[in-house]
Amino acid sequence: DFNRNVTIIRRFSSSLSMIGSILIIFMILRRRCHGDSRKQTYHRLIFLMSIFDIFASAAFFIGNAAVPEGTPFVTDASGTDRSCQAQGFIFQWSILSATMYNSSIMLYYVAIIVGGMQEADIAKRFEPFMHFVAIVFPLSTAITSLAMDLINPFEGGVMGCWITQYPPLCNEIFFVDCERGIRAPNFFLGFVIVPYWTVIAVIYISLSTIYYSVWRRHQLSTQHSFRPSTAVLSQQLSSLGDNHSNSRRGRVAAGPSKLLTAIRTQSLLYAIIFFFTFFFAAMTATLKWAGYRKSNMASLIYLTAFFTPLQGFFNLLIFVRLRYFRMRHESPSQWRILSMWRAITEVSPSPASQFSARGRTPNLSRSESAKKEAQRSVEEDGENPPGDGSNH
C-alpha cells in the first residue's frame, strides 16, 4: 500500500545517502592522513555535514519501526515511546544541522569568490559562528521538542516520529482531543518550516551573488579590454571547484567568458541538486502545517521520500566529479565504474610545497612546472559539492 511503498523508497534512498556520506568522510580522513591540509575550512564543513547526514539517513531508514506499536493510522509500527522520541530527536537535530551546513558552505563560497577572503581569515572570523549556528540551534530545537512532548508519530507514519500532535489527526477529528503536543503546529512552524525556507533563501541569494559578481567582472573586463592573467583565472576556477586543466571536456581558455561559463555550470548544478533534495521536503512540511492530509499530497510525499534522503549520495557525486573527469581523461578506455572507484580511493601526493599553511595563492607565473602543479591541485581540489570554494 501507500505507506509501505513510501518506506521502501525512503530506505533505498537513505541507504545510498549513508554510503555516500561515509565515503566522503573516508576520503577527507585519508587525505588528512597523507598530509594534505588544504581547504581545511571547507573540509571541516563538509565533514560535519556528512556526519549529520548519516544520522538523518539512519532516522529515515528506521521509519515506522520506531513508532510505538498500536499507534492508530500507522502501519508497520513496532517501536516504543522511547524509540519514537529518540528517532524524532535525532531527526530534528541531524537533518536541520545538515541543511544549515549547506548554507554555511555557500557562505564560504561567497567569502572566497565575492569577498576575496583568505582561508585563514575565514577560519578565524566566520567558521566558529558557522559551526555554532549549524549545531547549537538545531540541537536546542530538538531538546525543546523532546522536553515539551512535541515528538510524536506523524500522520500515517509518513515521517516516522517528528514534531506533531498525538494522537495523529487530533483536533482534526471530532471528539478526539490531543493528549500530547497540542502546541506542536506552532513549534513546527518555528523549528522546521521557517529554518528550511531561510536556508533555501540563503543558498539561492548566495548563488545569485556569486553569479552577479563574476558577471560584473566579465562586463568590466570587456569594457576596459582587460584580460585576466592565467594565475587569476586559475584561482577563480579553483574557487568554483571547476576543472580547467586536461579534462575530457576540453581545456578552459584563459578568458572571462570561459570563467563565466564554468560558474554558470557549477551554479546551475548546485541549484538543481539542492532543489531536488530540500524543496520537496520543505513543501511537504509547509502543506502539512497548513492542514493538508497525506491523501491530498501523495505525489509530493513520494518525491520527498525519494529525494530528501539522497543528500549524501548527491554530495559524493559532486565531491569526486572533477577527479572522475581526470581519471576518464587519463584512461578513456577504462570502465566508468573503475574510474569512479579510482576517483574515490586514490590519493595523489600533497602539493603542500606550493601552498602555505595560511592559504596564500601560489604564484603561477614563476615557472611552467608551477603552472602544471597548480592545475593538478585544481583537479584534486575538485572533490567538492557544486559551487565549492577555495582560495588556491
Foldseek 3Di string as FASTA:
>chain_A
DLQVVLLVQLQVQLVLLLVLLVLLLVLLVVQVVLPFCFPVLQSVLSNLLSVLLNLLSVLSNCFQCQADPPQPLAPPHNHRPVSQLVSQLSNQQSLLLSLLSVLVQLVVLCCCQVVVDFPLCCVPPPSVVSNCCSHVLSNVLSVVCSVQVQWHQERNSLSHTYGDFPPYCAVVDPPRHTPGNPVSLVSLCVSPQVSLVVSVVSNVVSLVSNLVSLVVVQVVCVVVVNFDDPLVLLQLCLFQLHAQPPFPVDHQDRGSVSSSVSSVVLSVQLVVLVCQQRVLVSVVSVVVSVPDDCVVVSVSSSSNSNRNSNVSSLLQCQLLVLQLRVLCSVPVPDDSVVSSVCSSPDDDNHPPVQADPRRARGDCPPDVVSVVVSSVVSSNSSSGHRRGGGRD
